[in-house]
Amino acid sequence: MKITITGALYSGKSSVAKAISKALDYTYFSVGELQRKLAVEKGISITEYNKYMLDNNLDCEVDNRTIEIGIENENFIFDARLAWNFIPDSFKIYLKVDIDTAVERAMKNERGKSEKYASKQEAKENIIERRRLELSRFKDIYNIDIEYSRKLINKT
């Protein structure tokens, strides 16, 4: 079975995906881990990396790799914002979280240099800005309105 997991920033996607991967003995893939690694290599924050991705059209590389993984593999869980779009035959999971919980998780995170915040206010501002950048990028590149899609999910 192919499983894709997406959701809000700090909603627990990685934790849930890793738990499912372990329980089912599935391969785990994560775009977030790759992006954080690349941000550290460039010496920038994850929010700055999102701006860098937009300016340098790096989404295409990530998208192509995601498609390859979906075609070439079975029995995996893919933790990525848009993997569900590129692996249409996957079982899709969406996680949501309120902003206050997201901020608390951001302050406690162990993701390294790319996501360190000096205050809750800084964390909140970065989460909001990162989300804005992602939503704008997804709308511009893929014509996908995540907020509209989320509203449809909540109605069902």
Protein backbone atom coordinates (compact mmCIF):
# COMPACT_ATOMS: atom_id res chain seq x y z
CA MET A 1 0.00 0.00 0.00
CA LYS A 2 1.16 3.52 -0.81
CA ILE A 3 0.40 6.06 1.94
CA THR A 4 0.87 9.82 1.67
CA ILE A 5 0.60 12.09 4.68
CA THR A 6 0.22 15.85 4.60
CA GLY A 7 -1.09 18.60 6.81
CA ALA A 8 -0.34 21.82 8.61
CA LEU A 9 3.13 22.77 9.80
CA TYR A 10 3.91 21.08 13.14
CA SER A 11 0.79 18.90 12.94
CA GLY A 12 2.84 15.79 13.67
CA LYS A 13 3.15 14.47 10.11
CA SER A 14 6.66 13.11 10.59
CA SER A 15 5.89 11.52 13.96
CA VAL A 16 2.72 9.85 12.66
CA ALA A 17 4.39 8.78 9.41
CA LYS A 18 7.36 7.25 11.25
CA ALA A 19 5.02 5.41 13.65
CA ILE A 20 2.99 3.99 10.75
CA SER A 21 6.19 3.09 8.90
CA LYS A 22 7.49 1.21 11.91
CA ALA A 23 4.18 -0.53 12.67
CA LEU A 24 3.73 -1.71 9.08
CA ASP A 25 7.44 -2.17 8.31
CA TYR A 26 7.07 0.26 5.40
CA THR A 27 9.77 2.43 3.84
CA TYR A 28 9.65 6.05 5.04
CA PHE A 29 10.23 9.00 2.69
CA SER A 30 10.28 12.65 3.79
CA VAL A 31 10.59 15.78 1.68
CA GLY A 32 10.75 17.88 4.86
CA GLU A 33 13.90 16.13 6.08
CA LEU A 34 15.53 16.66 2.70
CA GLN A 35 14.59 20.36 2.65
CA ARG A 36 15.85 20.93 6.21
CA LYS A 37 19.16 19.27 5.30
CA LEU A 38 19.53 21.45 2.22
CA ALA A 39 18.67 24.60 4.22
CA VAL A 40 21.40 23.81 6.76
CA GLU A 41 23.87 23.15 3.93
CA LYS A 42 23.06 26.59 2.54
CA GLY A 43 23.25 28.18 6.01
CA ILE A 44 19.67 29.49 5.90
CA SER A 45 16.43 28.93 7.82
CA ILE A 46 13.68 26.68 6.52
CA THR A 47 11.52 29.78 5.87
CA GLU A 48 14.34 31.32 3.83
CA TYR A 49 14.73 28.01 2.01
CA ASN A 50 11.04 28.16 1.01
CA LYS A 51 11.72 31.58 -0.55
CA TYR A 52 14.82 30.13 -2.23
CA MET A 53 12.76 27.27 -3.67
CA LEU A 54 10.27 29.72 -5.16
CA ASP A 55 13.02 31.87 -6.67
CA ASN A 56 14.92 28.90 -8.09
CA ASN A 57 12.04 26.65 -9.20
CA LEU A 58 13.35 23.66 -7.24
CA ASP A 59 9.88 22.16 -6.85
CA CYS A 60 10.19 20.41 -10.20
CA GLU A 61 13.12 18.30 -8.96
CA VAL A 62 11.24 17.30 -5.81
CA ASP A 63 8.08 16.57 -7.81
CA ASN A 64 9.87 14.34 -10.30
CA ARG A 65 11.55 12.38 -7.50
CA THR A 66 8.19 11.99 -5.73
CA ILE A 67 6.60 10.63 -8.91
CA GLU A 68 9.50 8.18 -9.35
CA ILE A 69 9.13 6.94 -5.78
CA GLY A 70 5.40 6.43 -6.33
CA ILE A 71 5.97 4.44 -9.52
CA GLU A 72 8.98 2.40 -8.41
CA ASN A 73 7.92 1.47 -4.87
CA GLU A 74 5.18 -0.31 -2.95
CA ASN A 75 4.52 -0.41 0.78
CA PHE A 76 5.79 3.01 1.78
CA ILE A 77 4.67 6.11 3.61
CA PHE A 78 5.56 9.47 2.12
CA ASP A 79 5.65 12.50 4.41
CA ALA A 80 5.36 15.47 2.05
CA ARG A 81 3.11 18.43 1.53
CA LEU A 82 2.06 17.43 -2.01
CA ALA A 83 2.94 13.74 -2.39
CA TRP A 84 -0.81 12.96 -2.49
CA ASN A 85 -1.01 14.97 -5.71
CA PHE A 86 1.86 13.13 -7.40
CA ILE A 87 0.98 9.64 -6.14
CA PRO A 88 -2.74 9.52 -6.97
CA ASP A 89 -3.15 5.85 -6.07
CA SER A 90 -2.03 6.47 -2.49
CA PHE A 91 -4.10 6.30 0.68
CA LYS A 92 -4.14 9.93 1.80
CA ILE A 93 -3.89 11.23 5.39
CA TYR A 94 -4.32 14.91 6.36
CA LEU A 95 -3.35 16.22 9.81
CA LYS A 96 -4.31 19.60 11.19
CA VAL A 97 -3.22 21.55 14.28
CA ASP A 98 -4.15 24.88 15.84
CA ILE A 99 -1.54 27.67 15.72
CA ASP A 100 -0.89 27.69 19.49
CA THR A 101 -0.07 23.98 19.52
CA ALA A 102 2.07 24.44 16.40
CA VAL A 103 4.03 27.21 18.15
CA GLU A 104 4.57 25.05 21.26
CA ARG A 105 5.83 22.21 19.08
CA ALA A 106 8.09 24.59 17.13
CA MET A 107 9.68 25.81 20.35
CA LYS A 108 10.40 22.22 21.45
CA ASN A 109 11.45 20.91 18.05
CA GLU A 110 14.63 18.98 17.46
CA ARG A 111 14.90 19.69 13.75
CA GLY A 112 18.20 21.54 14.01
CA LYS A 113 19.50 24.91 12.92
CA SER A 114 16.96 25.47 10.16
CA GLU A 115 14.08 25.80 12.64
CA LYS A 116 15.31 27.49 15.83
CA TYR A 117 13.26 30.33 17.31
CA ALA A 118 14.19 32.79 20.06
CA SER A 119 10.58 33.37 21.13
CA LYS A 120 7.05 32.09 20.66
CA GLN A 121 6.24 35.24 18.71
CA GLU A 122 9.12 34.60 16.31
CA ALA A 123 7.99 30.98 15.89
CA LYS A 124 4.40 32.06 15.22
CA GLU A 125 5.47 34.66 12.66
CA ASN A 126 7.72 32.14 10.90
CA ILE A 127 5.02 29.45 10.84
CA ILE A 128 2.50 31.91 9.39
CA GLU A 129 5.01 33.21 6.81
CA ARG A 130 6.18 29.74 5.82
CA ARG A 131 2.57 28.62 5.38
CA ARG A 132 1.83 31.73 3.30
CA LEU A 133 4.86 31.04 1.09
CA GLU A 134 3.91 27.39 0.62
CA LEU A 135 0.26 28.14 -0.19
CA SER A 136 1.29 30.83 -2.66
CA ARG A 137 3.85 28.54 -4.31
CA PHE A 138 1.36 25.67 -4.60
CA LYS A 139 -1.25 27.98 -6.10
CA ASP A 140 1.21 29.55 -8.56
CA ILE A 141 2.96 26.35 -9.67
CA TYR A 142 0.22 23.71 -9.44
CA ASN A 143 -3.01 25.73 -9.31
CA ILE A 144 -3.81 23.87 -6.08
CA ASP A 145 -5.71 25.73 -3.37
CA ILE A 146 -4.83 23.79 -0.21
CA GLU A 147 -7.12 25.90 1.99
CA TYR A 148 -10.11 25.19 -0.28
CA SER A 149 -9.26 21.48 -0.40
CA ARG A 150 -8.97 21.42 3.41
CA LYS A 151 -12.44 22.96 3.71
CA LEU A 152 -13.83 20.20 1.49
CA ILE A 153 -12.16 17.55 3.67
CA ASN A 154 -13.63 19.08 6.82
CA LYS A 155 -17.14 18.93 5.36
CA THR A 156 -16.98 15.18 4.72
